[in-house]
PDB file of N, CA and C in Angstrom:
ATOM      1  N   GLY A   1      -8.164   1.372   9.398  1.00  0.00           N
ATOM      2  CA  GLY A   1      -8.378   1.776  10.527  1.00  0.00           C
ATOM      3  C   GLY A   1     -10.626   2.485  10.280  1.00  0.00           C
ATOM      4  N   GLU A   2     -10.881   2.915  11.101  1.00  0.00           N
ATOM      5  CA  GLU A   2     -12.152   3.809  11.019  1.00  0.00           C
ATOM      6  C   GLU A   2     -11.243   5.074  11.370  1.00  0.00           C
ATOM      7  N   GLN A   3     -12.489   5.997  10.763  1.00  0.00           N
ATOM      8  CA  GLN A   3     -12.163   7.823  11.027  1.00  0.00           C
ATOM      9  C   GLN A   3     -11.764   8.182  11.931  1.00  0.00           C
ATOM     10  N   LYS A   4     -12.374   7.407  13.555  1.00  0.00           N
ATOM     11  CA  LYS A   4     -11.669   7.968  14.443  1.00  0.00           C
ATOM     12  C   LYS A   4      -9.862   7.611  15.113  1.00  0.00           C
ATOM     13  N   ASP A   5     -10.260   6.554  14.546  1.00  0.00           N
ATOM     14  CA  ASP A   5      -9.051   5.856  14.662  1.00  0.00           C
ATOM     15  C   ASP A   5      -7.611   6.483  13.242  1.00  0.00           C
ATOM     16  N   PHE A   6      -7.762   7.228  12.812  1.00  0.00           N
ATOM     17  CA  PHE A   6      -7.323   7.991  12.799  1.00  0.00           C
ATOM     18  C   PHE A   6      -6.747   9.953  12.627  1.00  0.00           C
ATOM     19  N   TYR A   7      -7.997   9.790  12.642  1.00  0.00           N
ATOM     20  CA  TYR A   7      -8.319  11.048  13.531  1.00  0.00           C
ATOM     21  C   TYR A   7      -7.162  10.930  15.976  1.00  0.00           C
ATOM     22  N   ASP A   8      -7.518   9.895  16.053  1.00  0.00           N
ATOM     23  CA  ASP A   8      -6.677  10.463  17.103  1.00  0.00           C
ATOM     24  C   ASP A   8      -5.211   9.791  16.676  1.00  0.00           C
ATOM     25  N   LEU A   9      -4.694   8.994  15.794  1.00  0.00           N
ATOM     26  CA  LEU A   9      -3.102   8.903  15.492  1.00  0.00           C
ATOM     27  C   LEU A   9      -3.244  10.268  14.910  1.00  0.00           C
ATOM     28  N   PHE A  10      -3.266  11.034  13.972  1.00  0.00           N
ATOM     29  CA  PHE A  10      -3.550  12.321  13.849  1.00  0.00           C
ATOM     30  C   PHE A  10      -2.625  13.650  14.874  1.00  0.00           C
ATOM     31  N   LEU A  11      -3.594  13.414  15.908  1.00  0.00           N
ATOM     32  CA  LEU A  11      -3.621  14.340  16.833  1.00  0.00           C
ATOM     33  C   LEU A  11      -2.555  13.461  17.728  1.00  0.00           C
ATOM     34  N   LEU A  12      -2.560  12.409  18.404  1.00  0.00           N
ATOM     35  CA  LEU A  12      -1.321  12.023  18.607  1.00  0.00           C
ATOM     36  C   LEU A  12       0.291  12.455  17.908  1.00  0.00           C
ATOM     37  N   ALA A  13      -0.290  12.481  16.745  1.00  0.00           N
ATOM     38  CA  ALA A  13       1.413  12.440  15.650  1.00  0.00           C
ATOM     39  C   ALA A  13       1.935  14.434  16.259  1.00  0.00           C
ATOM     40  N   GLU A  14       0.585  14.645  16.329  1.00  0.00           N
ATOM     41  CA  GLU A  14       1.104  16.243  16.526  1.00  0.00           C
ATOM     42  C   GLU A  14       1.448  16.682  17.434  1.00  0.00           C
ATOM     43  N   LYS A  15       0.698  16.040  18.284  1.00  0.00           N
ATOM     44  CA  LYS A  15       1.387  16.371  19.640  1.00  0.00           C
ATOM     45  C   LYS A  15       2.258  15.465  20.255  1.00  0.00           C
ATOM     46  N   HIS A  16       2.977  14.895  19.578  1.00  0.00           N
ATOM     47  CA  HIS A  16       3.922  14.003  19.700  1.00  0.00           C
ATOM     48  C   HIS A  16       4.723  13.462  18.997  1.00  0.00           C
ATOM     49  N   GLY A  17       4.620  13.859  18.255  1.00  0.00           N
ATOM     50  CA  GLY A  17       5.805  13.764  16.592  1.00  0.00           C
ATOM     51  C   GLY A  17       5.354  12.379  15.610  1.00  0.00           C
ATOM     52  N   LEU A  18       5.392  11.867  15.266  1.00  0.00           N
ATOM     53  CA  LEU A  18       5.128  10.832  14.395  1.00  0.00           C
ATOM     54  C   LEU A  18       6.360   9.769  15.125  1.00  0.00           C
ATOM     55  N   GLU A  19       7.683  10.840  14.386  1.00  0.00           N
ATOM     56  CA  GLU A  19       8.495   9.157  14.765  1.00  0.00           C
ATOM     57  C   GLU A  19       9.422   9.377  16.048  1.00  0.00           C
ATOM     58  N   LYS A  20       8.304   9.946  16.879  1.00  0.00           N
ATOM     59  CA  LYS A  20       8.750   9.736  17.780  1.00  0.00           C
ATOM     60  C   LYS A  20       7.960   8.889  18.725  1.00  0.00           C
ATOM     61  N   ILE A  21       6.152   8.500  18.017  1.00  0.00           N
ATOM     62  CA  ILE A  21       5.979   7.580  18.699  1.00  0.00           C
ATOM     63  C   ILE A  21       6.237   6.234  17.893  1.00  0.00           C
ATOM     64  N   TYR A  22       6.844   5.776  16.335  1.00  0.00           N
ATOM     65  CA  TYR A  22       7.713   5.283  15.486  1.00  0.00           C
ATOM     66  C   TYR A  22       8.412   4.120  16.594  1.00  0.00           C
ATOM     67  N   ASN A  23       8.771   5.425  16.482  1.00  0.00           N
ATOM     68  CA  ASN A  23      10.499   4.980  17.012  1.00  0.00           C
ATOM     69  C   ASN A  23      10.074   4.364  19.251  1.00  0.00           C
ATOM     70  N   ALA A  24       9.236   4.596  20.069  1.00  0.00           N
ATOM     71  CA  ALA A  24       8.579   4.123  21.009  1.00  0.00           C
ATOM     72  C   ALA A  24       7.898   2.278  20.311  1.00  0.00           C
ATOM     73  N   LEU A  25       7.607   2.321  19.749  1.00  0.00           N
ATOM     74  CA  LEU A  25       7.153   1.406  19.607  1.00  0.00           C
ATOM     75  C   LEU A  25       8.152   0.253  19.069  1.00  0.00           C
ATOM     76  N   GLU A  26       8.596   0.533  18.309  1.00  0.00           N
ATOM     77  CA  GLU A  26      10.278  -0.379  17.220  1.00  0.00           C
ATOM     78  C   GLU A  26      11.072  -0.722  18.804  1.00  0.00           C
ATOM     79  N   GLU A  27      11.514  -0.135  20.190  1.00  0.00           N
ATOM     80  CA  GLU A  27      12.117  -0.345  21.161  1.00  0.00           C
ATOM     81  C   GLU A  27      10.635  -1.463  21.679  1.00  0.00           C
ATOM     82  N   ARG A  28       9.502  -0.468  21.867  1.00  0.00           N
ATOM     83  CA  ARG A  28       8.764  -2.029  22.984  1.00  0.00           C
ATOM     84  C   ARG A  28       8.948  -3.584  22.127  1.00  0.00           C
ATOM     85  N   ASN A  29       9.212  -3.458  20.548  1.00  0.00           N
ATOM     86  CA  ASN A  29       8.889  -4.872  20.328  1.00  0.00           C
ATOM     87  C   ASN A  29      10.416  -5.587  20.039  1.00  0.00           C
ATOM     88  N   ARG A  30      11.728  -4.158  20.739  1.00  0.00           N
ATOM     89  CA  ARG A  30      13.048  -4.929  20.370  1.00  0.00           C
ATOM     90  C   ARG A  30      13.254  -5.599  22.039  1.00  0.00           C
ATOM     91  N   GLN A  31      12.686  -4.493  22.774  1.00  0.00           N
ATOM     92  CA  GLN A  31      12.583  -5.381  24.453  1.00  0.00           C
ATOM     93  C   GLN A  31      11.569  -6.023  24.756  1.00  0.00           C
ATOM     94  N   PHE A  32      10.455  -6.474  24.666  1.00  0.00           N
ATOM     95  CA  PHE A  32       9.471  -7.360  25.088  1.00  0.00           C
ATOM     96  C   PHE A  32       9.163  -8.704  24.155  1.00  0.00           C
ATOM     97  N   LYS A  33       9.758  -9.295  23.955  1.00  0.00           N
ATOM     98  CA  LYS A  33       9.251 -10.524  23.882  1.00  0.00           C
ATOM     99  C   LYS A  33       8.649 -11.210  24.042  1.00  0.00           C
ATOM    100  N   PRO A  34       7.159 -11.906  22.992  1.00  0.00           N
ATOM    101  CA  PRO A  34       5.749 -12.421  23.097  1.00  0.00           C
ATOM    102  C   PRO A  34       6.342 -13.654  23.921  1.00  0.00           C
ATOM    103  N   GLY A  35       5.362 -14.033  25.225  1.00  0.00           N
ATOM    104  CA  GLY A  35       5.530 -15.188  25.944  1.00  0.00           C
ATOM    105  C   GLY A  35       6.845 -15.278  26.796  1.00  0.00           C
ATOM    106  N   VAL A  36       7.442 -14.301  26.545  1.00  0.00           N
ATOM    107  CA  VAL A  36       8.328 -14.050  27.738  1.00  0.00           C
ATOM    108  C   VAL A  36       8.518 -13.195  28.916  1.00  0.00           C
ATOM    109  N   ASP A  37       7.858 -11.903  28.243  1.00  0.00           N
ATOM    110  CA  ASP A  37       7.298 -10.408  29.076  1.00  0.00           C
ATOM    111  C   ASP A  37       5.965  -9.782  28.311  1.00  0.00           C
ATOM    112  N   ASP A  38       5.555 -11.434  28.504  1.00  0.00           N
ATOM    113  CA  ASP A  38       3.698 -10.995  28.804  1.00  0.00           C
ATOM    114  C   ASP A  38       2.979  -9.332  30.518  1.00  0.00           C
ATOM    115  N   ASN A  39       2.695  -9.003  29.397  1.00  0.00           N
ATOM    116  CA  ASN A  39       1.541  -8.174  29.906  1.00  0.00           C
ATOM    117  C   ASN A  39       0.185  -7.041  29.738  1.00  0.00           C
ATOM    118  N   LEU A  40      -0.462  -7.227  30.104  1.00  0.00           N
ATOM    119  CA  LEU A  40      -1.259  -6.657  29.381  1.00  0.00           C
ATOM    120  C   LEU A  40      -1.597  -6.212  27.783  1.00  0.00           C
ATOM    121  N   PHE A  41      -0.544  -5.473  27.688  1.00  0.00           N
ATOM    122  CA  PHE A  41      -0.374  -5.284  26.283  1.00  0.00           C
ATOM    123  C   PHE A  41      -0.578  -5.951  25.503  1.00  0.00           C
ATOM    124  N   ASN A  42      -0.129  -7.683  26.038  1.00  0.00           N
ATOM    125  CA  ASN A  42       0.630  -8.635  24.805  1.00  0.00           C
ATOM    126  C   ASN A  42      -1.015  -9.619  24.024  1.00  0.00           C
ATOM    127  N   LEU A  43      -2.439  -8.359  25.109  1.00  0.00           N
ATOM    128  CA  LEU A  43      -3.147  -9.384  25.044  1.00  0.00           C
ATOM    129  C   LEU A  43      -3.000  -9.576  22.836  1.00  0.00           C
ATOM    130  N   PRO A  44      -3.950  -9.897  22.125  1.00  0.00           N
ATOM    131  CA  PRO A  44      -4.377  -9.578  21.235  1.00  0.00           C
ATOM    132  C   PRO A  44      -4.673  -8.653  20.688  1.00  0.00           C
ATOM    133  N   SER A  45      -6.392  -8.255  21.277  1.00  0.00           N
ATOM    134  CA  SER A  45      -6.640  -6.957  21.036  1.00  0.00           C
ATOM    135  C   SER A  45      -5.691  -5.611  21.493  1.00  0.00           C
ATOM    136  N   PHE A  46      -4.110  -4.959  21.469  1.00  0.00           N
ATOM    137  CA  PHE A  46      -3.644  -4.857  22.108  1.00  0.00           C
ATOM    138  C   PHE A  46      -2.594  -4.256  20.912  1.00  0.00           C
ATOM    139  N   LYS A  47      -2.027  -5.986  20.480  1.00  0.00           N
ATOM    140  CA  LYS A  47      -0.792  -6.105  19.300  1.00  0.00           C
ATOM    141  C   LYS A  47      -1.727  -5.157  17.497  1.00  0.00           C
ATOM    142  N   PRO A  48      -0.055  -4.733  17.518  1.00  0.00           N
ATOM    143  CA  PRO A  48      -1.313  -3.845  15.833  1.00  0.00           C
ATOM    144  C   PRO A  48      -1.010  -5.654  15.264  1.00  0.00           C
ATOM    145  N   LYS A  49      -2.212  -5.320  14.339  1.00  0.00           N
ATOM    146  CA  LYS A  49      -2.562  -6.563  12.735  1.00  0.00           C
ATOM    147  C   LYS A  49      -1.104  -6.537  12.260  1.00  0.00           C
ATOM    148  N   GLU A  50      -0.494  -5.998  12.630  1.00  0.00           N
ATOM    149  CA  GLU A  50       0.534  -5.590  10.915  1.00  0.00           C
ATOM    150  C   GLU A  50       2.270  -5.255  11.548  1.00  0.00           C
ATOM    151  N   ASP A  51       2.615  -6.205  11.135  1.00  0.00           N
ATOM    152  CA  ASP A  51       3.917  -5.471  11.723  1.00  0.00           C
ATOM    153  C   ASP A  51       4.983  -4.318  10.805  1.00  0.00           C
ATOM    154  N   LEU A  52       5.272  -3.314  11.470  1.00  0.00           N
ATOM    155  CA  LEU A  52       5.115  -1.795  10.766  1.00  0.00           C
ATOM    156  C   LEU A  52       7.727  -1.871  10.761  1.00  0.00           C
ATOM    157  N   SER A  53       8.060  -2.773  11.077  1.00  0.00           N
ATOM    158  CA  SER A  53       9.164  -2.813  11.256  1.00  0.00           C
ATOM    159  C   SER A  53       9.165  -2.362   9.950  1.00  0.00           C
ATOM    160  N   ILE A  54       9.063  -2.200   8.659  1.00  0.00           N
ATOM    161  CA  ILE A  54       9.351  -2.442   6.808  1.00  0.00           C
ATOM    162  C   ILE A  54       8.691  -1.513   6.461  1.00  0.00           C
ATOM    163  N   ASP A  55       7.885  -2.062   6.227  1.00  0.00           N
ATOM    164  CA  ASP A  55       6.414  -1.998   5.714  1.00  0.00           C
ATOM    165  C   ASP A  55       5.470  -0.826   6.019  1.00  0.00           C
ATOM    166  N   LEU A  56       5.269   0.884   5.956  1.00  0.00           N
ATOM    167  CA  LEU A  56       3.944   1.044   6.956  1.00  0.00           C
ATOM    168  C   LEU A  56       2.901   1.709   5.798  1.00  0.00           C
ATOM    169  N   SER A  57       2.731   0.294   4.929  1.00  0.00           N
ATOM    170  CA  SER A  57       1.536   1.283   4.372  1.00  0.00           C
ATOM    171  C   SER A  57       0.067   0.689   4.996  1.00  0.00           C
ATOM    172  N   PRO A  58      -0.125  -0.767   6.525  1.00  0.00           N
ATOM    173  CA  PRO A  58      -0.982  -0.658   6.579  1.00  0.00           C
ATOM    174  C   PRO A  58      -0.747   0.908   7.403  1.00  0.00           C
ATOM    175  N   LEU A  59      -1.039   1.970   7.260  1.00  0.00           N
ATOM    176  CA  LEU A  59      -0.815   2.759   8.040  1.00  0.00           C
ATOM    177  C   LEU A  59      -1.949   3.871   7.461  1.00  0.00           C
ATOM    178  N   GLY A  60      -1.345   4.143   6.244  1.00  0.00           N
ATOM    179  CA  GLY A  60      -2.998   4.748   4.698  1.00  0.00           C
ATOM    180  C   GLY A  60      -3.793   3.604   4.467  1.00  0.00           C
ATOM    181  N   ASN A  61      -3.776   2.550   5.351  1.00  0.00           N
ATOM    182  CA  ASN A  61      -5.508   1.820   4.980  1.00  0.00           C
ATOM    183  C   ASN A  61      -6.343   2.669   5.211  1.00  0.00           C
ATOM    184  N   PHE A  62      -7.346   3.553   4.040  1.00  0.00           N
ATOM    185  CA  PHE A  62      -8.205   4.528   4.534  1.00  0.00           C
ATOM    186  C   PHE A  62      -9.839   3.308   4.501  1.00  0.00           C
ATOM    187  N   ASN A  63      -9.885   2.381   3.727  1.00  0.00           N
ATOM    188  CA  ASN A  63     -11.238   1.936   3.167  1.00  0.00           C
ATOM    189  C   ASN A  63     -11.934   1.075   4.185  1.00  0.00           C
ATOM    190  N   ASN A  64     -11.834   1.515   5.139  1.00  0.00           N
ATOM    191  CA  ASN A  64     -12.100   1.181   6.408  1.00  0.00           C
ATOM    192  C   ASN A  64     -13.359   2.320   6.870  1.00  0.00           C
ATOM    193  N   ALA A  65     -12.802   3.094   6.757  1.00  0.00           N
ATOM    194  CA  ALA A  65     -13.367   4.662   7.469  1.00  0.00           C
ATOM    195  C   ALA A  65     -14.712   5.204   6.674  1.00  0.00           C
ATOM    196  N   THR A  66     -14.734   4.546   5.370  1.00  0.00           N
ATOM    197  CA  THR A  66     -15.994   4.844   4.844  1.00  0.00           C
ATOM    198  C   THR A  66     -17.694   4.506   5.476  1.00  0.00           C
ATOM    199  N   ASP A  67     -18.174   3.465   6.162  1.00  0.00           N
ATOM    200  CA  ASP A  67     -18.632   2.661   6.556  1.00  0.00           C
ATOM    201  C   ASP A  67     -19.122   3.022   7.364  1.00  0.00           C
ATOM    202  N   LYS A  68     -20.892   4.099   6.772  1.00  0.00           N
ATOM    203  CA  LYS A  68     -21.796   4.561   7.947  1.00  0.00           C
ATOM    204  C   LYS A  68     -21.935   4.102   8.908  1.00  0.00           C
ATOM    205  N   LYS A  69     -22.248   2.708   8.824  1.00  0.00           N
ATOM    206  CA  LYS A  69     -23.299   1.732   9.680  1.00  0.00           C
ATOM    207  C   LYS A  69     -22.000   2.105  10.865  1.00  0.00           C
ATOM    208  N   SER A  70     -20.665   1.585  10.675  1.00  0.00           N
ATOM    209  CA  SER A  70     -19.985   1.130  12.323  1.00  0.00           C
ATOM    210  C   SER A  70     -20.282   2.846  12.795  1.00  0.00           C
ATOM    211  N   PRO A  71     -19.100   2.837  13.696  1.00  0.00           N
ATOM    212  CA  PRO A  71     -20.119   3.487  14.586  1.00  0.00           C
ATOM    213  C   PRO A  71     -18.579   4.650  14.961  1.00  0.00           C
ATOM    214  N   GLY A  72     -17.341   3.854  14.608  1.00  0.00           N
ATOM    215  CA  GLY A  72     -15.822   4.874  14.790  1.00  0.00           C
ATOM    216  C   GLY A  72     -16.129   5.313  13.007  1.00  0.00           C
ATOM    217  N   ASN A  73     -17.302   5.787  12.507  1.00  0.00           N
ATOM    218  CA  ASN A  73     -16.895   6.053  11.130  1.00  0.00           C
ATOM    219  C   ASN A  73     -18.108   7.161  11.600  1.00  0.00           C
ATOM    220  N   ARG A  74     -18.453   7.622  12.022  1.00  0.00           N
ATOM    221  CA  ARG A  74     -19.409   8.553  12.497  1.00  0.00           C
ATOM    222  C   ARG A  74     -19.232   9.458  13.975  1.00  0.00           C
ATOM    223  N   VAL A  75     -17.886  10.622  13.296  1.00  0.00           N
ATOM    224  CA  VAL A  75     -17.059  10.930  14.123  1.00  0.00           C
ATOM    225  C   VAL A  75     -17.659  12.267  14.250  1.00  0.00           C
ATOM    226  N   GLN A  76     -17.509  13.349  15.072  1.00  0.00           N
ATOM    227  CA  GLN A  76     -18.223  14.730  15.588  1.00  0.00           C
ATOM    228  C   GLN A  76     -17.314  15.601  16.346  1.00  0.00           C
ATOM    229  N   PHE A  77     -16.990  16.176  15.780  1.00  0.00           N
ATOM    230  CA  PHE A  77     -16.374  17.445  16.596  1.00  0.00           C
ATOM    231  C   PHE A  77     -17.428  18.148  17.789  1.00  0.00           C
ATOM    232  N   THR A  78     -16.093  17.998  18.331  1.00  0.00           N
ATOM    233  CA  THR A  78     -16.733  19.349  19.686  1.00  0.00           C
ATOM    234  C   THR A  78     -16.141  20.681  19.755  1.00  0.00           C
ATOM    235  N   GLU A  79     -16.985  21.184  19.967  1.00  0.00           N
ATOM    236  CA  GLU A  79     -16.434  23.400  20.396  1.00  0.00           C
ATOM    237  C   GLU A  79     -14.723  23.700  20.082  1.00  0.00           C
ATOM    238  N   GLY A  80     -14.476  23.851  19.516  1.00  0.00           N
ATOM    239  CA  GLY A  80     -12.872  24.436  19.823  1.00  0.00           C
ATOM    240  C   GLY A  80     -11.355  23.059  19.623  1.00  0.00           C
ATOM    241  N   SER A  81     -12.127  21.661  18.968  1.00  0.00           N
ATOM    242  CA  SER A  81     -11.094  20.584  19.025  1.00  0.00           C
ATOM    243  C   SER A  81     -10.034  20.798  17.806  1.00  0.00           C
ATOM    244  N   PRO A  82      -9.325  21.074  17.617  1.00  0.00           N
ATOM    245  CA  PRO A  82      -7.917  20.754  17.693  1.00  0.00           C
ATOM    246  C   PRO A  82      -7.550  20.166  15.671  1.00  0.00           C
ATOM    247  N   ILE A  83      -8.242  19.807  15.971  1.00  0.00           N
ATOM    248  CA  ILE A  83      -8.489  19.206  13.648  1.00  0.00           C
ATOM    249  C   ILE A  83      -9.337  18.803  14.060  1.00  0.00           C
ATOM    250  N   ASN A  84     -10.325  19.681  13.659  1.00  0.00           N
ATOM    251  CA  ASN A  84     -11.859  19.272  13.373  1.00  0.00           C
ATOM    252  C   ASN A  84     -11.257  20.238  11.171  1.00  0.00           C
ATOM    253  N   MET A  85     -11.009  18.701  10.908  1.00  0.00           N
ATOM    254  CA  MET A  85     -10.690  18.793   9.233  1.00  0.00           C
ATOM    255  C   MET A  85     -11.681  17.953   8.668  1.00  0.00           C
ATOM    256  N   PRO A  86     -12.072  18.015   7.193  1.00  0.00           N
ATOM    257  CA  PRO A  86     -12.405  16.666   7.315  1.00  0.00           C
ATOM    258  C   PRO A  86     -12.624  15.173   6.635  1.00  0.00           C
ATOM    259  N   LEU A  87     -12.741  14.830   6.554  1.00  0.00           N
ATOM    260  CA  LEU A  87     -11.908  13.105   6.202  1.00  0.00           C
ATOM    261  C   LEU A  87     -10.549  13.080   4.885  1.00  0.00           C
ATOM    262  N   PRO A  88     -11.163  13.573   4.014  1.00  0.00           N
ATOM    263  CA  PRO A  88     -10.025  14.316   2.667  1.00  0.00           C
ATOM    264  C   PRO A  88      -9.405  14.705   3.263  1.00  0.00           C
ATOM    265  N   VAL A  89      -9.282  15.722   4.191  1.00  0.00           N
ATOM    266  CA  VAL A  89      -8.406  16.131   4.597  1.00  0.00           C
ATOM    267  C   VAL A  89      -7.480  15.482   5.356  1.00  0.00           C
ATOM    268  N   LEU A  90      -7.825  15.369   6.418  1.00  0.00           N
ATOM    269  CA  LEU A  90      -6.762  14.794   7.155  1.00  0.00           C
ATOM    270  C   LEU A  90      -6.566  13.775   6.224  1.00  0.00           C
ATOM    271  N   LYS A  91      -7.286  12.844   5.354  1.00  0.00           N
ATOM    272  CA  LYS A  91      -6.072  11.557   4.539  1.00  0.00           C
ATOM    273  C   LYS A  91      -5.008  12.165   4.045  1.00  0.00           C
ATOM    274  N   GLN A  92      -5.516  13.626   3.280  1.00  0.00           N
ATOM    275  CA  GLN A  92      -3.495  13.667   2.917  1.00  0.00           C
ATOM    276  C   GLN A  92      -3.281  14.084   3.739  1.00  0.00           C
ATOM    277  N   LYS A  93      -3.138  14.921   4.438  1.00  0.00           N
ATOM    278  CA  LYS A  93      -1.917  15.222   6.038  1.00  0.00           C
ATOM    279  C   LYS A  93      -1.492  13.762   6.175  1.00  0.00           C
ATOM    280  N   TRP A  94      -1.853  12.760   6.892  1.00  0.00           N
ATOM    281  CA  TRP A  94      -2.118  12.059   7.220  1.00  0.00           C
ATOM    282  C   TRP A  94      -0.925  10.888   6.708  1.00  0.00           C
ATOM    283  N   ILE A  95      -1.185  10.905   5.054  1.00  0.00           N
ATOM    284  CA  ILE A  95      -0.529   9.627   3.957  1.00  0.00           C
ATOM    285  C   ILE A  95       0.595  10.840   3.598  1.00  0.00           C
ATOM    286  N   THR A  96       0.871  12.359   4.257  1.00  0.00           N
ATOM    287  CA  THR A  96       1.888  12.847   4.309  1.00  0.00           C
ATOM    288  C   THR A  96       2.846  12.639   5.258  1.00  0.00           C
ATOM    289  N   LYS A  97       2.385  12.868   6.382  1.00  0.00           N
ATOM    290  CA  LYS A  97       3.295  12.563   7.670  1.00  0.00           C
ATOM    291  C   LYS A  97       3.588  11.240   7.024  1.00  0.00           C
ATOM    292  N   ILE A  98       3.118  10.141   7.075  1.00  0.00           N
ATOM    293  CA  ILE A  98       3.439   8.825   6.098  1.00  0.00           C
ATOM    294  C   ILE A  98       4.371   8.932   5.229  1.00  0.00           C
ATOM    295  N   LYS A  99       4.501   8.813   4.447  1.00  0.00           N
ATOM    296  CA  LYS A  99       6.004   9.237   3.625  1.00  0.00           C
ATOM    297  C   LYS A  99       6.540   9.981   3.722  1.00  0.00           C
ATOM    298  N   THR A 100       7.006  11.115   4.944  1.00  0.00           N
ATOM    299  CA  THR A 100       7.592  11.574   5.671  1.00  0.00           C
ATOM    300  C   THR A 100       8.710  10.834   6.477  1.00  0.00           C
ATOM    301  N   LEU A 101       8.092   9.866   6.850  1.00  0.00           N
ATOM    302  CA  LEU A 101       8.232   9.404   8.308  1.00  0.00           C
ATOM    303  C   LEU A 101       9.261   8.095   7.536  1.00  0.00           C
ATOM    304  N   ALA A 102       7.695   7.303   6.774  1.00  0.00           N
ATOM    305  CA  ALA A 102       8.966   6.598   5.949  1.00  0.00           C
ATOM    306  C   ALA A 102      10.485   6.266   5.063  1.00  0.00           C
ATOM    307  N   ASN A 103       9.817   7.753   3.741  1.00  0.00           N
ATOM    308  CA  ASN A 103      11.092   7.718   3.855  1.00  0.00           C
ATOM    309  C   ASN A 103      12.484   8.391   4.636  1.00  0.00           C
ATOM    310  N   GLY A 104      11.792   9.005   5.910  1.00  0.00           N
ATOM    311  CA  GLY A 104      13.042   9.026   7.025  1.00  0.00           C
ATOM    312  C   GLY A 104      13.707   7.736   7.862  1.00  0.00           C
ATOM    313  N   GLN A 105      13.442   7.300   7.842  1.00  0.00           N
ATOM    314  CA  GLN A 105      13.471   5.917   7.988  1.00  0.00           C
ATOM    315  C   GLN A 105      13.429   4.864   7.367  1.00  0.00           C
ATOM    316  N   ASN A 106      14.424   5.105   6.355  1.00  0.00           N
ATOM    317  CA  ASN A 106      14.533   4.117   4.645  1.00  0.00           C
ATOM    318  C   ASN A 106      12.841   3.022   4.958  1.00  0.00           C
ATOM    319  N   LEU A 107      11.517   2.963   4.910  1.00  0.00           N
ATOM    320  CA  LEU A 107      10.608   2.484   5.211  1.00  0.00           C
ATOM    321  C   LEU A 107      10.068   2.285   3.871  1.00  0.00           C
ATOM    322  N   LYS A 108       9.517   1.329   3.402  1.00  0.00           N
ATOM    323  CA  LYS A 108       8.423   1.260   2.431  1.00  0.00           C
ATOM    324  C   LYS A 108       7.203   1.667   2.355  1.00  0.00           C
ATOM    325  N   PHE A 109       6.761   1.969   2.337  1.00  0.00           N
ATOM    326  CA  PHE A 109       4.747   2.969   2.506  1.00  0.00           C
ATOM    327  C   PHE A 109       4.463   2.852   0.367  1.00  0.00           C
ATOM    328  N   ASN A 110       3.682   2.295   0.461  1.00  0.00           N
ATOM    329  CA  ASN A 110       2.124   2.509  -0.288  1.00  0.00           C
ATOM    330  C   ASN A 110       1.116   2.617   0.208  1.00  0.00           C
ATOM    331  N   GLU A 111       0.185   3.718  -0.717  1.00  0.00           N
ATOM    332  CA  GLU A 111      -0.783   4.305  -0.541  1.00  0.00           C
ATOM    333  C   GLU A 111      -1.447   3.393  -0.835  1.00  0.00           C
ATOM    334  N   THR A 112      -2.684   2.731  -0.404  1.00  0.00           N
ATOM    335  CA  THR A 112      -3.897   2.180  -0.030  1.00  0.00           C
ATOM    336  C   THR A 112      -4.962   2.221  -1.448  1.00  0.00           C
ATOM    337  N   GLN A 113      -4.925   1.060  -2.632  1.00  0.00           N
ATOM    338  CA  GLN A 113      -5.449   1.386  -3.622  1.00  0.00           C
ATOM    339  C   GLN A 113      -7.330   1.530  -2.685  1.00  0.00           C
ATOM    340  N   LYS A 114      -8.491   2.241  -2.783  1.00  0.00           N
ATOM    341  CA  LYS A 114      -9.352   2.674  -2.602  1.00  0.00           C
ATOM    342  C   LYS A 114     -10.271   1.111  -2.943  1.00  0.00           C
ATOM    343  N   VAL A 115     -11.031   0.633  -1.972  1.00  0.00           N
ATOM    344  CA  VAL A 115     -11.398  -1.036  -2.461  1.00  0.00           C
ATOM    345  C   VAL A 115     -12.946  -0.236  -2.451  1.00  0.00           C
ATOM    346  N   ARG A 116     -13.473  -0.827  -3.300  1.00  0.00           N
ATOM    347  CA  ARG A 116     -15.674   0.250  -4.036  1.00  0.00           C
ATOM    348  C   ARG A 116     -15.766  -1.020  -3.198  1.00  0.00           C
ATOM    349  N   ARG A 117     -16.810  -1.555  -2.579  1.00  0.00           N
ATOM    350  CA  ARG A 117     -18.133  -2.040  -2.211  1.00  0.00           C
ATOM    351  C   ARG A 117     -19.049  -2.362  -2.908  1.00  0.00           C
ATOM    352  N   ARG A 118     -19.390  -3.749  -3.324  1.00  0.00           N
ATOM    353  CA  ARG A 118     -20.424  -3.833  -3.995  1.00  0.00           C
ATOM    354  C   ARG A 118     -22.207  -3.391  -2.453  1.00  0.00           C
ATOM    355  N   SER A 119     -22.917  -3.306  -3.596  1.00  0.00           N
ATOM    356  CA  SER A 119     -24.157  -2.715  -3.850  1.00  0.00           C
ATOM    357  C   SER A 119     -24.676  -3.773  -3.212  1.00  0.00           C
ATOM    358  N   ASN A 120     -25.612  -4.145  -2.492  1.00  0.00           N
ATOM    359  CA  ASN A 120     -26.875  -4.929  -2.413  1.00  0.00           C
ATOM    360  C   ASN A 120     -27.544  -5.436  -3.253  1.00  0.00           C
ATOM    361  N   GLY A 121     -27.693  -5.106  -4.638  1.00  0.00           N
ATOM    362  CA  GLY A 121     -27.709  -4.452  -6.198  1.00  0.00           C
ATOM    363  C   GLY A 121     -29.090  -4.290  -5.707  1.00  0.00           C
ATOM    364  N   LEU A 122     -30.024  -3.900  -5.272  1.00  0.00           N
ATOM    365  CA  LEU A 122     -31.519  -3.103  -4.834  1.00  0.00           C
ATOM    366  C   LEU A 122     -31.440  -1.184  -5.515  1.00  0.00           C
ATOM    367  N   SER A 123     -32.336  -0.952  -6.151  1.00  0.00           N
ATOM    368  CA  SER A 123     -31.685   0.174  -6.499  1.00  0.00           C
ATOM    369  C   SER A 123     -33.287   0.843  -6.391  1.00  0.00           C
ATOM    370  N   LEU A 124     -33.372   2.107  -6.434  1.00  0.00           N
ATOM    371  CA  LEU A 124     -35.091   2.899  -6.454  1.00  0.00           C
ATOM    372  C   LEU A 124     -34.680   3.668  -7.489  1.00  0.00           C
TER     373      LEU A 124
END
């Protein structure tokens, strides 16, 4: 995900509780069958890219959160923002939340290794 995604998820988890959000997602996946119960939220752009019913590792993948060319990685906090913290602090707190959820739900979680982006070979 991009920085914006992680800040949004963190804020939602703080407000509603990550376990409650996860359980709602799992309940939705059990109740609604693709191709049978189609609705606006069955559009490909609304579907999670990963199945989180066994492995929560994708929720800790920050590899796309450092590319400053992407608008979703240029987060600017407003005055009084409830989560005005640098990305490394948010990452640490978010990973702790995911680990706690994984342990409580008996799910797999492996921290994603940082992927170094190749440079274009130019240097000054």
